[in-house]
Amino acid sequence: MAIEVLPAQLYALATVLDGASVRAARAGTAVDPAPVGGPLGPAVLGFAETVRTVGGALAGELSWLGDVVAATADSWMHLDGSLLPARGAGVPE
């Protein structure tokens, strides 16, 4: 089974993944860990820590995936270029 994806589409996907990584990192800091009084205090602090951890981990994975997608596009561009005849060279008949 062949899947045809143009390198430009892969670069666009890598850009989207990079943006998602930035948003995930911001989401990890969105929950205010300010002290909450009473019996909910420890639960709120634990929740804020979990959100920060998950946001950071997700940001890292999305960033890695974006880098891999961009590297794949680079590789395909290089491969395509190596398969084409040199500019000005005649194609044998």
PDB file of N, CA and C in Angstrom:
ATOM      1  N   MET A   1       0.841  -1.164   0.000  1.00  0.00           N
ATOM      2  CA  MET A   1       0.000   0.000   0.000  1.00  0.00           C
ATOM      3  C   MET A   1       0.891   1.233   0.000  1.00  0.00           C
ATOM      4  N   ALA A   2       0.627   2.122  -0.903  1.00  0.00           N
ATOM      5  CA  ALA A   2       1.406   3.354  -0.997  1.00  0.00           C
ATOM      6  C   ALA A   2       0.568   4.529  -0.504  1.00  0.00           C
ATOM      7  N   ILE A   3       1.207   5.383   0.242  1.00  0.00           N
ATOM      8  CA  ILE A   3       0.561   6.604   0.701  1.00  0.00           C
ATOM      9  C   ILE A   3       1.346   7.757   0.104  1.00  0.00           C
ATOM     10  N   GLU A   4       0.679   8.572  -0.681  1.00  0.00           N
ATOM     11  CA  GLU A   4       1.360   9.692  -1.313  1.00  0.00           C
ATOM     12  C   GLU A   4       1.129  10.965  -0.503  1.00  0.00           C
ATOM     13  N   VAL A   5       2.222  11.505  -0.014  1.00  0.00           N
ATOM     14  CA  VAL A   5       2.177  12.750   0.722  1.00  0.00           C
ATOM     15  C   VAL A   5       3.299  13.619   0.176  1.00  0.00           C
ATOM     16  N   LEU A   6       2.957  14.807  -0.208  1.00  0.00           N
ATOM     17  CA  LEU A   6       3.964  15.729  -0.725  1.00  0.00           C
ATOM     18  C   LEU A   6       4.802  16.284   0.419  1.00  0.00           C
ATOM     19  N   PRO A   7       6.089  16.521   0.169  1.00  0.00           N
ATOM     20  CA  PRO A   7       6.922  17.094   1.229  1.00  0.00           C
ATOM     21  C   PRO A   7       6.342  18.396   1.791  1.00  0.00           C
ATOM     22  N   ALA A   8       5.716  19.209   0.936  1.00  0.00           N
ATOM     23  CA  ALA A   8       5.131  20.463   1.432  1.00  0.00           C
ATOM     24  C   ALA A   8       4.049  20.193   2.472  1.00  0.00           C
ATOM     25  N   GLN A   9       3.292  19.121   2.282  1.00  0.00           N
ATOM     26  CA  GLN A   9       2.270  18.753   3.261  1.00  0.00           C
ATOM     27  C   GLN A   9       2.908  18.291   4.568  1.00  0.00           C
ATOM     28  N   LEU A  10       4.026  17.602   4.469  1.00  0.00           N
ATOM     29  CA  LEU A  10       4.731  17.179   5.690  1.00  0.00           C
ATOM     30  C   LEU A  10       5.292  18.382   6.439  1.00  0.00           C
ATOM     31  N   TYR A  11       5.834  19.343   5.703  1.00  0.00           N
ATOM     32  CA  TYR A  11       6.333  20.549   6.364  1.00  0.00           C
ATOM     33  C   TYR A  11       5.191  21.297   7.063  1.00  0.00           C
ATOM     34  N   ALA A  12       4.025  21.337   6.415  1.00  0.00           N
ATOM     35  CA  ALA A  12       2.865  21.985   7.034  1.00  0.00           C
ATOM     36  C   ALA A  12       2.454  21.242   8.301  1.00  0.00           C
ATOM     37  N   LEU A  13       2.462  19.908   8.256  1.00  0.00           N
ATOM     38  CA  LEU A  13       2.130  19.112   9.435  1.00  0.00           C
ATOM     39  C   LEU A  13       3.146  19.369  10.552  1.00  0.00           C
ATOM     40  N   ALA A  14       4.411  19.444  10.211  1.00  0.00           N
ATOM     41  CA  ALA A  14       5.447  19.715  11.215  1.00  0.00           C
ATOM     42  C   ALA A  14       5.211  21.065  11.883  1.00  0.00           C
ATOM     43  N   THR A  15       4.783  22.057  11.109  1.00  0.00           N
ATOM     44  CA  THR A  15       4.490  23.376  11.664  1.00  0.00           C
ATOM     45  C   THR A  15       3.305  23.321  12.619  1.00  0.00           C
ATOM     46  N   VAL A  16       2.273  22.578  12.244  1.00  0.00           N
ATOM     47  CA  VAL A  16       1.098  22.417  13.118  1.00  0.00           C
ATOM     48  C   VAL A  16       1.499  21.719  14.412  1.00  0.00           C
ATOM     49  N   LEU A  17       2.308  20.688  14.313  1.00  0.00           N
ATOM     50  CA  LEU A  17       2.754  19.970  15.508  1.00  0.00           C
ATOM     51  C   LEU A  17       3.593  20.866  16.413  1.00  0.00           C
ATOM     52  N   ASP A  18       4.413  21.721  15.820  1.00  0.00           N
ATOM     53  CA  ASP A  18       5.218  22.651  16.614  1.00  0.00           C
ATOM     54  C   ASP A  18       4.311  23.625  17.370  1.00  0.00           C
ATOM     55  N   GLY A  19       3.286  24.139  16.678  1.00  0.00           N
ATOM     56  CA  GLY A  19       2.334  25.038  17.344  1.00  0.00           C
ATOM     57  C   GLY A  19       1.578  24.339  18.461  1.00  0.00           C
ATOM     58  N   ALA A  20       1.201  23.084  18.237  1.00  0.00           N
ATOM     59  CA  ALA A  20       0.505  22.316  19.270  1.00  0.00           C
ATOM     60  C   ALA A  20       1.409  22.081  20.473  1.00  0.00           C
ATOM     61  N   SER A  21       2.694  21.905  20.215  1.00  0.00           N
ATOM     62  CA  SER A  21       3.656  21.727  21.301  1.00  0.00           C
ATOM     63  C   SER A  21       3.709  22.974  22.187  1.00  0.00           C
ATOM     64  N   VAL A  22       3.727  24.128  21.554  1.00  0.00           N
ATOM     65  CA  VAL A  22       3.760  25.388  22.310  1.00  0.00           C
ATOM     66  C   VAL A  22       2.485  25.535  23.147  1.00  0.00           C
ATOM     67  N   ARG A  23       1.336  25.216  22.549  1.00  0.00           N
ATOM     68  CA  ARG A  23       0.072  25.321  23.283  1.00  0.00           C
ATOM     69  C   ARG A  23       0.016  24.325  24.447  1.00  0.00           C
ATOM     70  N   ALA A  24       0.535  23.124  24.247  1.00  0.00           N
ATOM     71  CA  ALA A  24       0.546  22.131  25.324  1.00  0.00           C
ATOM     72  C   ALA A  24       1.433  22.597  26.476  1.00  0.00           C
ATOM     73  N   ALA A  25       2.550  23.211  26.146  1.00  0.00           N
ATOM     74  CA  ALA A  25       3.435  23.719  27.197  1.00  0.00           C
ATOM     75  C   ALA A  25       2.746  24.832  27.985  1.00  0.00           C
ATOM     76  N   ARG A  26       2.010  25.698  27.271  1.00  0.00           N
ATOM     77  CA  ARG A  26       1.269  26.767  27.956  1.00  0.00           C
ATOM     78  C   ARG A  26       0.152  26.198  28.818  1.00  0.00           C
ATOM     79  N   ALA A  27      -0.513  25.159  28.321  1.00  0.00           N
ATOM     80  CA  ALA A  27      -1.606  24.548  29.088  1.00  0.00           C
ATOM     81  C   ALA A  27      -1.078  23.978  30.392  1.00  0.00           C
ATOM     82  N   GLY A  28       0.142  23.507  30.370  1.00  0.00           N
ATOM     83  CA  GLY A  28       0.740  22.953  31.584  1.00  0.00           C
ATOM     84  C   GLY A  28       0.940  23.975  32.675  1.00  0.00           C
ATOM     85  N   THR A  29       0.970  25.239  32.312  1.00  0.00           N
ATOM     86  CA  THR A  29       1.148  26.294  33.314  1.00  0.00           C
ATOM     87  C   THR A  29      -0.137  27.077  33.551  1.00  0.00           C
ATOM     88  N   ALA A  30      -1.238  26.661  32.930  1.00  0.00           N
ATOM     89  CA  ALA A  30      -2.493  27.407  33.021  1.00  0.00           C
ATOM     90  C   ALA A  30      -3.197  27.235  34.366  1.00  0.00           C
ATOM     91  N   VAL A  31      -2.981  26.118  35.018  1.00  0.00           N
ATOM     92  CA  VAL A  31      -3.650  25.876  36.300  1.00  0.00           C
ATOM     93  C   VAL A  31      -2.851  26.555  37.397  1.00  0.00           C
ATOM     94  N   ASP A  32      -3.493  27.455  38.104  1.00  0.00           N
ATOM     95  CA  ASP A  32      -2.828  28.218  39.154  1.00  0.00           C
ATOM     96  C   ASP A  32      -2.669  27.350  40.405  1.00  0.00           C
ATOM     97  N   PRO A  33      -1.423  27.082  40.788  1.00  0.00           N
ATOM     98  CA  PRO A  33      -1.212  26.248  41.972  1.00  0.00           C
ATOM     99  C   PRO A  33      -1.274  27.035  43.282  1.00  0.00           C
ATOM    100  N   ALA A  34      -1.910  28.221  43.241  1.00  0.00           N
ATOM    101  CA  ALA A  34      -1.991  29.033  44.460  1.00  0.00           C
ATOM    102  C   ALA A  34      -2.646  28.214  45.575  1.00  0.00           C
ATOM    103  N   PRO A  35      -2.150  28.386  46.765  1.00  0.00           N
ATOM    104  CA  PRO A  35      -2.682  27.599  47.881  1.00  0.00           C
ATOM    105  C   PRO A  35      -4.196  27.775  48.055  1.00  0.00           C
ATOM    106  N   VAL A  36      -4.850  26.664  48.193  1.00  0.00           N
ATOM    107  CA  VAL A  36      -6.283  26.643  48.469  1.00  0.00           C
ATOM    108  C   VAL A  36      -6.430  26.124  49.890  1.00  0.00           C
ATOM    109  N   GLY A  37      -7.213  26.815  50.654  1.00  0.00           N
ATOM    110  CA  GLY A  37      -7.382  26.407  52.039  1.00  0.00           C
ATOM    111  C   GLY A  37      -8.306  25.209  52.189  1.00  0.00           C
ATOM    112  N   GLY A  38      -8.302  24.665  53.357  1.00  0.00           N
ATOM    113  CA  GLY A  38      -9.208  23.585  53.688  1.00  0.00           C
ATOM    114  C   GLY A  38      -8.779  22.239  53.142  1.00  0.00           C
ATOM    115  N   PRO A  39      -9.711  21.310  53.135  1.00  0.00           N
ATOM    116  CA  PRO A  39      -9.379  19.943  52.733  1.00  0.00           C
ATOM    117  C   PRO A  39      -9.093  19.795  51.236  1.00  0.00           C
ATOM    118  N   LEU A  40      -9.487  20.769  50.430  1.00  0.00           N
ATOM    119  CA  LEU A  40      -9.225  20.690  48.984  1.00  0.00           C
ATOM    120  C   LEU A  40      -7.814  21.125  48.608  1.00  0.00           C
ATOM    121  N   GLY A  41      -7.118  21.771  49.510  1.00  0.00           N
ATOM    122  CA  GLY A  41      -5.784  22.296  49.215  1.00  0.00           C
ATOM    123  C   GLY A  41      -4.833  21.273  48.617  1.00  0.00           C
ATOM    124  N   PRO A  42      -4.606  20.147  49.271  1.00  0.00           N
ATOM    125  CA  PRO A  42      -3.682  19.158  48.710  1.00  0.00           C
ATOM    126  C   PRO A  42      -4.137  18.604  47.358  1.00  0.00           C
ATOM    127  N   ALA A  43      -5.447  18.437  47.194  1.00  0.00           N
ATOM    128  CA  ALA A  43      -5.955  17.915  45.921  1.00  0.00           C
ATOM    129  C   ALA A  43      -5.717  18.917  44.790  1.00  0.00           C
ATOM    130  N   VAL A  44      -5.925  20.203  45.065  1.00  0.00           N
ATOM    131  CA  VAL A  44      -5.705  21.231  44.041  1.00  0.00           C
ATOM    132  C   VAL A  44      -4.225  21.306  43.686  1.00  0.00           C
ATOM    133  N   LEU A  45      -3.355  21.248  44.672  1.00  0.00           N
ATOM    134  CA  LEU A  45      -1.918  21.281  44.398  1.00  0.00           C
ATOM    135  C   LEU A  45      -1.493  20.049  43.589  1.00  0.00           C
ATOM    136  N   GLY A  46      -2.034  18.890  43.936  1.00  0.00           N
ATOM    137  CA  GLY A  46      -1.727  17.677  43.185  1.00  0.00           C
ATOM    138  C   GLY A  46      -2.223  17.753  41.752  1.00  0.00           C
ATOM    139  N   PHE A  47      -3.417  18.296  41.570  1.00  0.00           N
ATOM    140  CA  PHE A  47      -3.971  18.448  40.225  1.00  0.00           C
ATOM    141  C   PHE A  47      -3.114  19.399  39.394  1.00  0.00           C
ATOM    142  N   ALA A  48      -2.713  20.527  39.981  1.00  0.00           N
ATOM    143  CA  ALA A  48      -1.884  21.492  39.259  1.00  0.00           C
ATOM    144  C   ALA A  48      -0.551  20.867  38.862  1.00  0.00           C
ATOM    145  N   GLU A  49       0.035  20.092  39.743  1.00  0.00           N
ATOM    146  CA  GLU A  49       1.301  19.427  39.426  1.00  0.00           C
ATOM    147  C   GLU A  49       1.123  18.413  38.298  1.00  0.00           C
ATOM    148  N   THR A  50       0.010  17.682  38.331  1.00  0.00           N
ATOM    149  CA  THR A  50      -0.266  16.700  37.280  1.00  0.00           C
ATOM    150  C   THR A  50      -0.451  17.382  35.936  1.00  0.00           C
ATOM    151  N   VAL A  51      -1.190  18.481  35.914  1.00  0.00           N
ATOM    152  CA  VAL A  51      -1.411  19.215  34.658  1.00  0.00           C
ATOM    153  C   VAL A  51      -0.084  19.748  34.120  1.00  0.00           C
ATOM    154  N   ARG A  52       0.767  20.276  34.982  1.00  0.00           N
ATOM    155  CA  ARG A  52       2.082  20.764  34.541  1.00  0.00           C
ATOM    156  C   ARG A  52       2.910  19.623  33.963  1.00  0.00           C
ATOM    157  N   THR A  53       2.908  18.482  34.626  1.00  0.00           N
ATOM    158  CA  THR A  53       3.692  17.338  34.160  1.00  0.00           C
ATOM    159  C   THR A  53       3.188  16.826  32.816  1.00  0.00           C
ATOM    160  N   VAL A  54       1.882  16.655  32.714  1.00  0.00           N
ATOM    161  CA  VAL A  54       1.296  16.159  31.465  1.00  0.00           C
ATOM    162  C   VAL A  54       1.501  17.165  30.332  1.00  0.00           C
ATOM    163  N   GLY A  55       1.305  18.444  30.612  1.00  0.00           N
ATOM    164  CA  GLY A  55       1.515  19.472  29.581  1.00  0.00           C
ATOM    165  C   GLY A  55       2.947  19.476  29.084  1.00  0.00           C
ATOM    166  N   GLY A  56       3.891  19.354  29.996  1.00  0.00           N
ATOM    167  CA  GLY A  56       5.300  19.316  29.592  1.00  0.00           C
ATOM    168  C   GLY A  56       5.643  18.070  28.788  1.00  0.00           C
ATOM    169  N   ALA A  57       5.103  16.931  29.222  1.00  0.00           N
ATOM    170  CA  ALA A  57       5.371  15.680  28.497  1.00  0.00           C
ATOM    171  C   ALA A  57       4.748  15.711  27.110  1.00  0.00           C
ATOM    172  N   LEU A  58       3.507  16.190  27.022  1.00  0.00           N
ATOM    173  CA  LEU A  58       2.843  16.275  25.726  1.00  0.00           C
ATOM    174  C   LEU A  58       3.579  17.249  24.805  1.00  0.00           C
ATOM    175  N   ALA A  59       4.019  18.369  25.352  1.00  0.00           N
ATOM    176  CA  ALA A  59       4.774  19.336  24.554  1.00  0.00           C
ATOM    177  C   ALA A  59       6.046  18.708  24.004  1.00  0.00           C
ATOM    178  N   GLY A  60       6.731  17.955  24.828  1.00  0.00           N
ATOM    179  CA  GLY A  60       7.954  17.295  24.380  1.00  0.00           C
ATOM    180  C   GLY A  60       7.695  16.278  23.279  1.00  0.00           C
ATOM    181  N   GLU A  61       6.646  15.487  23.428  1.00  0.00           N
ATOM    182  CA  GLU A  61       6.317  14.480  22.412  1.00  0.00           C
ATOM    183  C   GLU A  61       5.897  15.128  21.098  1.00  0.00           C
ATOM    184  N   LEU A  62       5.081  16.181  21.172  1.00  0.00           N
ATOM    185  CA  LEU A  62       4.653  16.863  19.955  1.00  0.00           C
ATOM    186  C   LEU A  62       5.829  17.527  19.249  1.00  0.00           C
ATOM    187  N   SER A  63       6.743  18.088  20.027  1.00  0.00           N
ATOM    188  CA  SER A  63       7.932  18.690  19.442  1.00  0.00           C
ATOM    189  C   SER A  63       8.784  17.638  18.746  1.00  0.00           C
ATOM    190  N   TRP A  64       8.985  16.505  19.415  1.00  0.00           N
ATOM    191  CA  TRP A  64       9.754  15.405  18.821  1.00  0.00           C
ATOM    192  C   TRP A  64       9.099  14.927  17.539  1.00  0.00           C
ATOM    193  N   LEU A  65       7.786  14.734  17.568  1.00  0.00           N
ATOM    194  CA  LEU A  65       7.071  14.256  16.390  1.00  0.00           C
ATOM    195  C   LEU A  65       7.181  15.259  15.240  1.00  0.00           C
ATOM    196  N   GLY A  66       7.073  16.540  15.541  1.00  0.00           N
ATOM    197  CA  GLY A  66       7.233  17.562  14.506  1.00  0.00           C
ATOM    198  C   GLY A  66       8.622  17.520  13.886  1.00  0.00           C
ATOM    199  N   ASP A  67       9.642  17.312  14.718  1.00  0.00           N
ATOM    200  CA  ASP A  67      11.012  17.200  14.206  1.00  0.00           C
ATOM    201  C   ASP A  67      11.164  15.983  13.289  1.00  0.00           C
ATOM    202  N   VAL A  68      10.539  14.873  13.674  1.00  0.00           N
ATOM    203  CA  VAL A  68      10.625  13.647  12.862  1.00  0.00           C
ATOM    204  C   VAL A  68       9.910  13.844  11.524  1.00  0.00           C
ATOM    205  N   VAL A  69       8.754  14.475  11.548  1.00  0.00           N
ATOM    206  CA  VAL A  69       8.009  14.722  10.307  1.00  0.00           C
ATOM    207  C   VAL A  69       8.815  15.644   9.390  1.00  0.00           C
ATOM    208  N   ALA A  70       9.414  16.695   9.938  1.00  0.00           N
ATOM    209  CA  ALA A  70      10.227  17.610   9.127  1.00  0.00           C
ATOM    210  C   ALA A  70      11.453  16.888   8.565  1.00  0.00           C
ATOM    211  N   ALA A  71      12.074  16.038   9.369  1.00  0.00           N
ATOM    212  CA  ALA A  71      13.241  15.284   8.889  1.00  0.00           C
ATOM    213  C   ALA A  71      12.840  14.322   7.774  1.00  0.00           C
ATOM    214  N   THR A  72      11.651  13.743   7.882  1.00  0.00           N
ATOM    215  CA  THR A  72      11.154  12.867   6.819  1.00  0.00           C
ATOM    216  C   THR A  72      10.961  13.648   5.538  1.00  0.00           C
ATOM    217  N   ALA A  73      10.378  14.829   5.634  1.00  0.00           N
ATOM    218  CA  ALA A  73      10.195  15.675   4.445  1.00  0.00           C
ATOM    219  C   ALA A  73      11.543  16.043   3.841  1.00  0.00           C
ATOM    220  N   ASP A  74      12.513  16.382   4.690  1.00  0.00           N
ATOM    221  CA  ASP A  74      13.858  16.697   4.193  1.00  0.00           C
ATOM    222  C   ASP A  74      14.438  15.502   3.437  1.00  0.00           C
ATOM    223  N   SER A  75      14.259  14.319   4.013  1.00  0.00           N
ATOM    224  CA  SER A  75      14.779  13.109   3.396  1.00  0.00           C
ATOM    225  C   SER A  75      14.123  12.855   2.047  1.00  0.00           C
ATOM    226  N   TRP A  76      12.813  13.038   1.970  1.00  0.00           N
ATOM    227  CA  TRP A  76      12.110  12.821   0.708  1.00  0.00           C
ATOM    228  C   TRP A  76      12.537  13.839  -0.336  1.00  0.00           C
ATOM    229  N   MET A  77      12.752  15.076   0.098  1.00  0.00           N
ATOM    230  CA  MET A  77      13.211  16.111  -0.845  1.00  0.00           C
ATOM    231  C   MET A  77      14.586  15.725  -1.397  1.00  0.00           C
ATOM    232  N   HIS A  78      15.465  15.240  -0.525  1.00  0.00           N
ATOM    233  CA  HIS A  78      16.800  14.826  -0.950  1.00  0.00           C
ATOM    234  C   HIS A  78      16.704  13.635  -1.904  1.00  0.00           C
ATOM    235  N   LEU A  79      15.860  12.679  -1.567  1.00  0.00           N
ATOM    236  CA  LEU A  79      15.684  11.506  -2.414  1.00  0.00           C
ATOM    237  C   LEU A  79      15.133  11.902  -3.773  1.00  0.00           C
ATOM    238  N   ASP A  80      14.111  12.752  -3.796  1.00  0.00           N
ATOM    239  CA  ASP A  80      13.550  13.210  -5.067  1.00  0.00           C
ATOM    240  C   ASP A  80      14.612  13.895  -5.915  1.00  0.00           C
ATOM    241  N   GLY A  81      15.437  14.709  -5.278  1.00  0.00           N
ATOM    242  CA  GLY A  81      16.487  15.406  -6.004  1.00  0.00           C
ATOM    243  C   GLY A  81      17.542  14.472  -6.542  1.00  0.00           C
ATOM    244  N   SER A  82      17.809  13.390  -5.838  1.00  0.00           N
ATOM    245  CA  SER A  82      18.837  12.464  -6.300  1.00  0.00           C
ATOM    246  C   SER A  82      18.328  11.562  -7.426  1.00  0.00           C
ATOM    247  N   LEU A  83      17.015  11.470  -7.586  1.00  0.00           N
ATOM    248  CA  LEU A  83      16.452  10.628  -8.632  1.00  0.00           C
ATOM    249  C   LEU A  83      16.255  11.359  -9.948  1.00  0.00           C
ATOM    250  N   LEU A  84      16.263  12.681  -9.900  1.00  0.00           N
ATOM    251  CA  LEU A  84      16.060  13.471 -11.112  1.00  0.00           C
ATOM    252  C   LEU A  84      17.377  13.660 -11.847  1.00  0.00           C
ATOM    253  N   PRO A  85      17.343  13.694 -13.187  1.00  0.00           N
ATOM    254  CA  PRO A  85      18.581  13.971 -13.907  1.00  0.00           C
ATOM    255  C   PRO A  85      19.050  15.392 -13.637  1.00  0.00           C
ATOM    256  N   ALA A  86      20.337  15.586 -13.721  1.00  0.00           N
ATOM    257  CA  ALA A  86      20.910  16.903 -13.495  1.00  0.00           C
ATOM    258  C   ALA A  86      20.333  17.901 -14.484  1.00  0.00           C
ATOM    259  N   ARG A  87      20.158  19.108 -14.065  1.00  0.00           N
ATOM    260  CA  ARG A  87      19.607  20.150 -14.917  1.00  0.00           C
ATOM    261  C   ARG A  87      20.506  20.329 -16.145  1.00  0.00           C
ATOM    262  N   GLY A  88      19.894  20.312 -17.289  1.00  0.00           N
ATOM    263  CA  GLY A  88      20.641  20.473 -18.550  1.00  0.00           C
ATOM    264  C   GLY A  88      21.110  19.168 -19.127  1.00  0.00           C
ATOM    265  N   ALA A  89      21.034  18.083 -18.370  1.00  0.00           N
ATOM    266  CA  ALA A  89      21.458  16.791 -18.898  1.00  0.00           C
ATOM    267  C   ALA A  89      20.324  16.203 -19.731  1.00  0.00           C
ATOM    268  N   GLY A  90      20.669  15.671 -20.854  1.00  0.00           N
ATOM    269  CA  GLY A  90      19.652  15.071 -21.715  1.00  0.00           C
ATOM    270  C   GLY A  90      19.208  13.726 -21.161  1.00  0.00           C
ATOM    271  N   VAL A  91      17.975  13.397 -21.420  1.00  0.00           N
ATOM    272  CA  VAL A  91      17.446  12.114 -20.995  1.00  0.00           C
ATOM    273  C   VAL A  91      17.726  11.123 -22.113  1.00  0.00           C
ATOM    274  N   PRO A  92      18.418  10.010 -21.809  1.00  0.00           N
ATOM    275  CA  PRO A  92      18.742   9.041 -22.862  1.00  0.00           C
ATOM    276  C   PRO A  92      17.477   8.459 -23.483  1.00  0.00           C
ATOM    277  N   GLU A  93      17.551   8.233 -24.790  1.00  0.00           N
ATOM    278  CA  GLU A  93      16.388   7.664 -25.486  1.00  0.00           C
ATOM    279  C   GLU A  93      16.604   6.219 -25.760  1.00  0.00           C
TER     280      GLU A  93
END
